[in-house]
C-alpha atoms as a PDB file:
ATOM      1  CA  MET A   1       9.082 -14.329   8.119  1.00  0.00           C
ATOM      2  CA  SER A   2       5.881 -13.619   6.216  1.00  0.00           C
ATOM      3  CA  ILE A   3       3.648 -10.692   7.155  1.00  0.00           C
ATOM      4  CA  ARG A   4       0.000 -11.606   7.597  1.00  0.00           C
ATOM      5  CA  ILE A   5      -3.139  -9.512   7.725  1.00  0.00           C
ATOM      6  CA  ASN A   6      -3.701  -8.191  11.278  1.00  0.00           C
ATOM      7  CA  ASP A   7      -0.005  -8.501  12.144  1.00  0.00           C
ATOM      8  CA  ILE A   8       1.524  -5.352  13.597  1.00  0.00           C
ATOM      9  CA  ALA A   9       3.530  -3.846  10.738  1.00  0.00           C
ATOM     10  CA  PRO A  10       7.241  -4.132  11.595  1.00  0.00           C
ATOM     11  CA  ASP A  11       8.631  -0.877  12.940  1.00  0.00           C
ATOM     12  CA  PHE A  12      12.000   0.368  11.727  1.00  0.00           C
ATOM     13  CA  THR A  13      14.280   3.387  11.719  1.00  0.00           C
ATOM     14  CA  ALA A  14      15.918   4.131   8.377  1.00  0.00           C
ATOM     15  CA  PRO A  15      17.374   6.987   6.325  1.00  0.00           C
ATOM     16  CA  SER A  16      15.186   8.284   3.509  1.00  0.00           C
ATOM     17  CA  THR A  17      14.807  11.180   1.108  1.00  0.00           C
ATOM     18  CA  ALA A  18      12.897  12.932   3.933  1.00  0.00           C
ATOM     19  CA  GLY A  19      15.637  12.320   6.517  1.00  0.00           C
ATOM     20  CA  GLU A  20      15.667   9.594   9.158  1.00  0.00           C
ATOM     21  CA  ILE A  21      12.247   7.980   9.571  1.00  0.00           C
ATOM     22  CA  GLN A  22      11.006   6.017  12.555  1.00  0.00           C
ATOM     23  CA  PHE A  23       8.150   4.297  10.768  1.00  0.00           C
ATOM     24  CA  HIS A  24       5.443   4.012  13.439  1.00  0.00           C
ATOM     25  CA  ASP A  25       6.047   7.589  14.596  1.00  0.00           C
ATOM     26  CA  TRP A  26       6.026   8.836  11.007  1.00  0.00           C
ATOM     27  CA  LEU A  27       2.742   7.043  10.346  1.00  0.00           C
ATOM     28  CA  GLY A  28       1.071   8.588  13.408  1.00  0.00           C
ATOM     29  CA  ASP A  29      -2.704   8.169  13.274  1.00  0.00           C
ATOM     30  CA  SER A  30      -2.841   7.924   9.476  1.00  0.00           C
ATOM     31  CA  TYR A  31      -3.333   4.980   7.186  1.00  0.00           C
ATOM     32  CA  GLY A  32      -0.157   4.077   5.362  1.00  0.00           C
ATOM     33  CA  ILE A  33       0.934   2.406   2.154  1.00  0.00           C
ATOM     34  CA  ILE A  34       4.458   1.005   1.922  1.00  0.00           C
ATOM     35  CA  PHE A  35       5.657  -0.320  -1.431  1.00  0.00           C
ATOM     36  CA  SER A  36       8.947  -1.741  -2.696  1.00  0.00           C
ATOM     37  CA  HIS A  37      10.704  -1.750  -6.028  1.00  0.00           C
ATOM     38  CA  PRO A  38      13.801  -3.463  -7.467  1.00  0.00           C
ATOM     39  CA  ARG A  39      16.119  -0.521  -8.173  1.00  0.00           C
ATOM     40  CA  ASP A  40      16.312   3.194  -8.950  1.00  0.00           C
ATOM     41  CA  PHE A  41      16.553   4.361 -12.570  1.00  0.00           C
ATOM     42  CA  THR A  42      14.538   1.407 -13.894  1.00  0.00           C
ATOM     43  CA  PRO A  43      11.674   1.826 -16.361  1.00  0.00           C
ATOM     44  CA  VAL A  44       8.710   0.104 -14.699  1.00  0.00           C
ATOM     45  CA  CYS A  45       9.499   1.623 -11.302  1.00  0.00           C
ATOM     46  CA  THR A  46       9.684   5.111 -12.794  1.00  0.00           C
ATOM     47  CA  THR A  47       6.154   4.743 -14.179  1.00  0.00           C
ATOM     48  CA  GLU A  48       4.920   3.394 -10.839  1.00  0.00           C
ATOM     49  CA  PHE A  49       6.433   6.140  -8.715  1.00  0.00           C
ATOM     50  CA  GLY A  50       5.087   8.659 -11.212  1.00  0.00           C
ATOM     51  CA  ALA A  51       1.613   7.211 -10.704  1.00  0.00           C
ATOM     52  CA  VAL A  52       1.969   7.527  -6.927  1.00  0.00           C
ATOM     53  CA  ALA A  53       3.045  11.156  -7.291  1.00  0.00           C
ATOM     54  CA  GLN A  54       0.074  11.943  -9.545  1.00  0.00           C
ATOM     55  CA  LEU A  55      -2.294  10.591  -6.872  1.00  0.00           C
ATOM     56  CA  ALA A  56      -0.967  12.884  -4.119  1.00  0.00           C
ATOM     57  CA  ALA A  57      -4.311  14.635  -3.620  1.00  0.00           C
ATOM     58  CA  GLU A  58      -6.134  11.286  -3.401  1.00  0.00           C
ATOM     59  CA  TRP A  59      -3.814   9.986  -0.668  1.00  0.00           C
ATOM     60  CA  THR A  60      -4.301  13.224   1.277  1.00  0.00           C
ATOM     61  CA  LYS A  61      -8.068  13.014   0.916  1.00  0.00           C
ATOM     62  CA  ARG A  62      -7.966   9.556   2.487  1.00  0.00           C
ATOM     63  CA  LYS A  63      -5.578  10.599   5.287  1.00  0.00           C
ATOM     64  CA  THR A  64      -3.022   8.121   3.968  1.00  0.00           C
ATOM     65  CA  LYS A  65       0.759   8.435   3.862  1.00  0.00           C
ATOM     66  CA  VAL A  66       2.720   6.648   1.147  1.00  0.00           C
ATOM     67  CA  ILE A  67       6.360   5.599   1.360  1.00  0.00           C
ATOM     68  CA  GLY A  68       8.588   3.734  -1.092  1.00  0.00           C
ATOM     69  CA  VAL A  69      11.375   1.252  -0.331  1.00  0.00           C
ATOM     70  CA  SER A  70      14.476   0.509  -2.387  1.00  0.00           C
ATOM     71  CA  VAL A  71      17.749  -1.203  -1.599  1.00  0.00           C
ATOM     72  CA  ASP A  72      19.522   1.744  -3.229  1.00  0.00           C
ATOM     73  CA  GLY A  73      20.810   4.711  -1.210  1.00  0.00           C
ATOM     74  CA  ALA A  74      19.120   8.040  -0.466  1.00  0.00           C
ATOM     75  CA  ALA A  75      21.552   9.972  -2.725  1.00  0.00           C
ATOM     76  CA  ASP A  76      20.501   7.854  -5.718  1.00  0.00           C
ATOM     77  CA  HIS A  77      16.848   8.236  -4.721  1.00  0.00           C
ATOM     78  CA  GLU A  78      17.186  12.028  -4.839  1.00  0.00           C
ATOM     79  CA  LYS A  79      18.701  11.911  -8.331  1.00  0.00           C
ATOM     80  CA  TRP A  80      16.057   9.442  -9.515  1.00  0.00           C
ATOM     81  CA  LYS A  81      13.238  11.613  -8.155  1.00  0.00           C
ATOM     82  CA  ARG A  82      14.111  14.184 -10.802  1.00  0.00           C
ATOM     83  CA  ASP A  83      13.406  11.594 -13.513  1.00  0.00           C
ATOM     84  CA  ILE A  84      10.152  10.581 -11.808  1.00  0.00           C
ATOM     85  CA  GLU A  85       8.995  14.189 -11.651  1.00  0.00           C
ATOM     86  CA  ALA A  86       9.947  14.833 -15.278  1.00  0.00           C
ATOM     87  CA  PHE A  87       7.995  11.760 -16.370  1.00  0.00           C
ATOM     88  CA  ALA A  88       4.941  12.362 -14.144  1.00  0.00           C
ATOM     89  CA  GLY A  89       4.782  16.128 -14.509  1.00  0.00           C
ATOM     90  CA  VAL A  90       4.235  16.581 -10.763  1.00  0.00           C
ATOM     91  CA  PRO A  91       6.441  16.649  -7.644  1.00  0.00           C
ATOM     92  CA  ALA A  92       7.292  13.309  -6.026  1.00  0.00           C
ATOM     93  CA  ASP A  93       6.960  14.475  -2.423  1.00  0.00           C
ATOM     94  CA  PHE A  94       6.641  11.101  -0.686  1.00  0.00           C
ATOM     95  CA  PRO A  95       9.692   9.621   1.092  1.00  0.00           C
ATOM     96  CA  ILE A  96      11.767   6.811  -0.397  1.00  0.00           C
ATOM     97  CA  ILE A  97      13.587   4.663   2.162  1.00  0.00           C
ATOM     98  CA  ASP A  98      17.306   3.937   1.829  1.00  0.00           C
ATOM     99  CA  ASP A  99      17.334   0.192   2.505  1.00  0.00           C
ATOM    100  CA  THR A 100      20.875  -0.663   1.485  1.00  0.00           C
ATOM    101  CA  SER A 101      21.035  -2.787   4.658  1.00  0.00           C
ATOM    102  CA  LEU A 102      18.002  -4.834   3.485  1.00  0.00           C
ATOM    103  CA  THR A 103      16.508  -4.339   6.971  1.00  0.00           C
ATOM    104  CA  VAL A 104      13.092  -3.263   5.684  1.00  0.00           C
ATOM    105  CA  ALA A 105      13.071  -5.638   2.703  1.00  0.00           C
ATOM    106  CA  LYS A 106      13.704  -8.592   5.019  1.00  0.00           C
ATOM    107  CA  ALA A 107      11.308  -7.456   7.765  1.00  0.00           C
ATOM    108  CA  TYR A 108       8.495  -7.087   5.219  1.00  0.00           C
ATOM    109  CA  ASP A 109       9.377 -10.211   3.215  1.00  0.00           C
ATOM    110  CA  MET A 110       9.962  -8.198   0.042  1.00  0.00           C
ATOM    111  CA  LEU A 111      12.687 -10.419  -1.421  1.00  0.00           C
ATOM    112  CA  PRO A 112      12.258 -13.451  -3.683  1.00  0.00           C
ATOM    113  CA  ALA A 113      13.545 -16.848  -2.661  1.00  0.00           C
ATOM    114  CA  ASP A 114      16.746 -16.624  -4.708  1.00  0.00           C
ATOM    115  CA  TYR A 115      17.924 -13.072  -4.032  1.00  0.00           C
ATOM    116  CA  TYR A 116      21.576 -12.164  -3.523  1.00  0.00           C
ATOM    117  CA  LEU A 117      23.463  -8.891  -3.115  1.00  0.00           C
ATOM    118  CA  PRO A 118      26.883  -8.795  -4.820  1.00  0.00           C
ATOM    119  CA  SER A 119      29.384  -6.270  -3.528  1.00  0.00           C
ATOM    120  CA  GLU A 120      29.570  -4.548  -6.911  1.00  0.00           C
ATOM    121  CA  GLY A 121      27.887  -4.638 -10.285  1.00  0.00           C
ATOM    122  CA  ARG A 122      24.432  -5.322  -8.846  1.00  0.00           C
ATOM    123  CA  THR A 123      21.527  -5.430 -11.289  1.00  0.00           C
ATOM    124  CA  PRO A 124      17.808  -5.269 -10.389  1.00  0.00           C
ATOM    125  CA  ALA A 125      17.633  -9.039 -10.915  1.00  0.00           C
ATOM    126  CA  ASN A 126      20.189  -9.713  -8.176  1.00  0.00           C
ATOM    127  CA  THR A 127      17.909  -8.658  -5.350  1.00  0.00           C
ATOM    128  CA  ALA A 128      14.696  -8.529  -7.383  1.00  0.00           C
ATOM    129  CA  THR A 129      12.691  -6.991  -4.572  1.00  0.00           C
ATOM    130  CA  VAL A 130       9.241  -8.005  -5.639  1.00  0.00           C
ATOM    131  CA  ARG A 131       6.654  -5.276  -6.143  1.00  0.00           C
ATOM    132  CA  THR A 132       5.075  -5.576  -2.715  1.00  0.00           C
ATOM    133  CA  VAL A 133       2.313  -3.351  -1.310  1.00  0.00           C
ATOM    134  CA  TYR A 134       1.107  -3.149   2.278  1.00  0.00           C
ATOM    135  CA  ILE A 135      -1.864  -1.091   3.435  1.00  0.00           C
ATOM    136  CA  ILE A 136      -1.495  -0.386   7.144  1.00  0.00           C
ATOM    137  CA  GLY A 137      -4.128   0.984   9.524  1.00  0.00           C
ATOM    138  CA  PRO A 138      -3.741   3.776  12.085  1.00  0.00           C
ATOM    139  CA  ASP A 139      -3.394   1.048  14.733  1.00  0.00           C
ATOM    140  CA  LYS A 140      -0.256  -0.113  12.837  1.00  0.00           C
ATOM    141  CA  LYS A 141      -1.903  -3.405  11.817  1.00  0.00           C
ATOM    142  CA  VAL A 142      -1.582  -4.724   8.273  1.00  0.00           C
ATOM    143  CA  ARG A 143      -4.931  -4.462   6.512  1.00  0.00           C
ATOM    144  CA  LEU A 144      -4.056  -5.686   3.009  1.00  0.00           C
ATOM    145  CA  THR A 145      -1.108  -7.055   1.053  1.00  0.00           C
ATOM    146  CA  MET A 146      -0.400  -7.355  -2.664  1.00  0.00           C
ATOM    147  CA  THR A 147       2.642  -8.873  -4.346  1.00  0.00           C
ATOM    148  CA  TYR A 148       3.608  -8.569  -8.007  1.00  0.00           C
ATOM    149  CA  PRO A 149       6.608 -10.024  -9.850  1.00  0.00           C
ATOM    150  CA  MET A 150       9.315  -7.705 -11.142  1.00  0.00           C
ATOM    151  CA  SER A 151       7.915  -7.787 -14.666  1.00  0.00           C
ATOM    152  CA  VAL A 152       4.395  -6.590 -13.774  1.00  0.00           C
ATOM    153  CA  GLY A 153       3.772  -2.935 -12.987  1.00  0.00           C
ATOM    154  CA  ARG A 154       1.242  -2.255 -10.263  1.00  0.00           C
ATOM    155  CA  ASN A 155      -2.185  -0.767 -10.961  1.00  0.00           C
ATOM    156  CA  PHE A 156      -2.397   2.125  -8.538  1.00  0.00           C
ATOM    157  CA  ALA A 157      -6.038   2.753  -9.421  1.00  0.00           C
ATOM    158  CA  GLU A 158      -6.688  -0.718  -7.955  1.00  0.00           C
ATOM    159  CA  ILE A 159      -4.538   0.057  -4.917  1.00  0.00           C
ATOM    160  CA  LEU A 160      -6.583   3.229  -4.389  1.00  0.00           C
ATOM    161  CA  ARG A 161      -9.808   1.248  -4.783  1.00  0.00           C
ATOM    162  CA  ALA A 162      -8.545  -1.346  -2.299  1.00  0.00           C
ATOM    163  CA  LEU A 163      -7.706   1.426   0.166  1.00  0.00           C
ATOM    164  CA  ASP A 164     -11.258   2.772  -0.214  1.00  0.00           C
ATOM    165  CA  ALA A 165     -12.656  -0.698   0.465  1.00  0.00           C
ATOM    166  CA  VAL A 166     -10.440  -1.161   3.521  1.00  0.00           C
ATOM    167  CA  GLN A 167     -11.511   2.190   4.936  1.00  0.00           C
ATOM    168  CA  ALA A 168     -15.197   1.576   4.157  1.00  0.00           C
ATOM    169  CA  THR A 169     -15.216  -1.728   6.053  1.00  0.00           C
ATOM    170  CA  ASP A 170     -12.657  -1.048   8.790  1.00  0.00           C
ATOM    171  CA  GLY A 171     -14.202  -1.791  12.186  1.00  0.00           C
ATOM    172  CA  VAL A 172     -17.780  -2.160  10.936  1.00  0.00           C
ATOM    173  CA  PRO A 173     -19.781  -5.313  10.043  1.00  0.00           C
ATOM    174  CA  LEU A 174     -19.588  -4.700   6.304  1.00  0.00           C
ATOM    175  CA  ALA A 175     -17.756  -6.142   3.320  1.00  0.00           C
ATOM    176  CA  THR A 176     -17.382  -5.141  -0.310  1.00  0.00           C
ATOM    177  CA  PRO A 177     -18.494  -7.388  -3.188  1.00  0.00           C
ATOM    178  CA  ALA A 178     -16.460  -8.295  -6.250  1.00  0.00           C
ATOM    179  CA  ASN A 179     -15.537  -5.321  -8.424  1.00  0.00           C
ATOM    180  CA  TRP A 180     -16.885  -2.851  -5.840  1.00  0.00           C
ATOM    181  CA  GLN A 181     -16.321   0.835  -6.452  1.00  0.00           C
ATOM    182  CA  PRO A 182     -16.798   3.664  -3.925  1.00  0.00           C
ATOM    183  CA  GLY A 183     -20.437   4.694  -3.670  1.00  0.00           C
ATOM    184  CA  GLN A 184     -21.791   1.274  -4.602  1.00  0.00           C
ATOM    185  CA  ASP A 185     -23.740  -0.918  -2.184  1.00  0.00           C
ATOM    186  CA  VAL A 186     -21.887  -2.992   0.369  1.00  0.00           C
ATOM    187  CA  ILE A 187     -22.553  -6.410   1.918  1.00  0.00           C
ATOM    188  CA  VAL A 188     -23.835  -6.672   5.492  1.00  0.00           C
ATOM    189  CA  ALA A 189     -21.988  -9.186   7.646  1.00  0.00           C
ATOM    190  CA  LEU A 190     -23.831 -12.276   8.896  1.00  0.00           C
ATOM    191  CA  ALA A 191     -23.052 -11.214  12.467  1.00  0.00           C
ATOM    192  CA  LEU A 192     -26.213  -9.058  12.226  1.00  0.00           C
ATOM    193  CA  ASN A 193     -29.707 -10.451  11.687  1.00  0.00           C
ATOM    194  CA  ASN A 194     -32.045  -8.668   9.299  1.00  0.00           C
ATOM    195  CA  ASP A 195     -33.632  -6.471  11.955  1.00  0.00           C
ATOM    196  CA  GLN A 196     -30.275  -5.435  13.375  1.00  0.00           C
ATOM    197  CA  ALA A 197     -28.936  -4.778   9.887  1.00  0.00           C
ATOM    198  CA  LYS A 198     -31.939  -2.611   8.957  1.00  0.00           C
ATOM    199  CA  GLU A 199     -31.688  -0.648  12.183  1.00  0.00           C
ATOM    200  CA  ARG A 200     -28.040   0.089  11.572  1.00  0.00           C
ATOM    201  CA  PHE A 201     -27.810   0.434   7.795  1.00  0.00           C
ATOM    202  CA  GLY A 202     -31.363   1.063   6.544  1.00  0.00           C
ATOM    203  CA  ASP A 203     -33.239  -0.883   3.889  1.00  0.00           C
ATOM    204  CA  LEU A 204     -31.668  -4.116   2.694  1.00  0.00           C
ATOM    205  CA  ASP A 205     -31.511  -5.625  -0.766  1.00  0.00           C
ATOM    206  CA  ILE A 206     -31.658  -9.322   0.096  1.00  0.00           C
ATOM    207  CA  LYS A 207     -30.366 -11.419  -2.808  1.00  0.00           C
ATOM    208  CA  LEU A 208     -29.943 -14.626  -0.792  1.00  0.00           C
ATOM    209  CA  PRO A 209     -30.411 -15.322   2.930  1.00  0.00           C
ATOM    210  CA  TYR A 210     -26.660 -14.901   3.373  1.00  0.00           C
ATOM    211  CA  LEU A 211     -26.132 -12.139   0.761  1.00  0.00           C
ATOM    212  CA  ARG A 212     -27.658  -8.834   1.830  1.00  0.00           C
ATOM    213  CA  PHE A 213     -26.740  -5.461   0.351  1.00  0.00           C
ATOM    214  CA  ALA A 214     -27.126  -2.049   1.958  1.00  0.00           C
ATOM    215  CA  LYS A 215     -26.205   1.497   1.003  1.00  0.00           C
ATOM    216  CA  ALA A 216     -22.639   2.327   1.934  1.00  0.00           C
ATOM    217  CA  PRO A 217     -22.539   4.574   5.014  1.00  0.00           C
ATOM    218  CA  LYS A 218     -21.337   8.086   4.235  1.00  0.00           C
END
């Protein structure tokens, strides 16, 4: 089953490097980012998890919890974390879920069409959990999804930028334009007329009748 924007993110209970996690309770009133990877001790994933670890202060600043998913076990995750930390030069303090049961991978549609799980001798290509990212709101609804193939490492600067855009527009009649960066002007939704938009957001930069920019609220 595919996960769509505004769906309630599937809840689950699973072992992890931080002990047993009941996902919705763990998330609490924070934003969350859940991301999958094909297997521990693989090169692209090590660079990705290192990037997540290096952004720890940025996630905290945005009141966002990050959690990884792998179909390997928690004992392997703990060993692999040492490699991640050696590569990144910082602690990898976020949890990594033990999803040997494939419960989370299946619930979040993280597997390719032709996956299989042999009883022994598994390689990353067997399950090939695609590099999936979900940004989830404090109300447990999915705000944004991204999916990459196994061969393409994720750009976590873009994921951070996307999180900023989600938070800037969450619950308000605003949108972000192409290539938006935090601090740049935002687009006012057509649900407001010009007078209403000015009253709420200040002066407008009207490019077209349907394209009106305003300063991003602080």
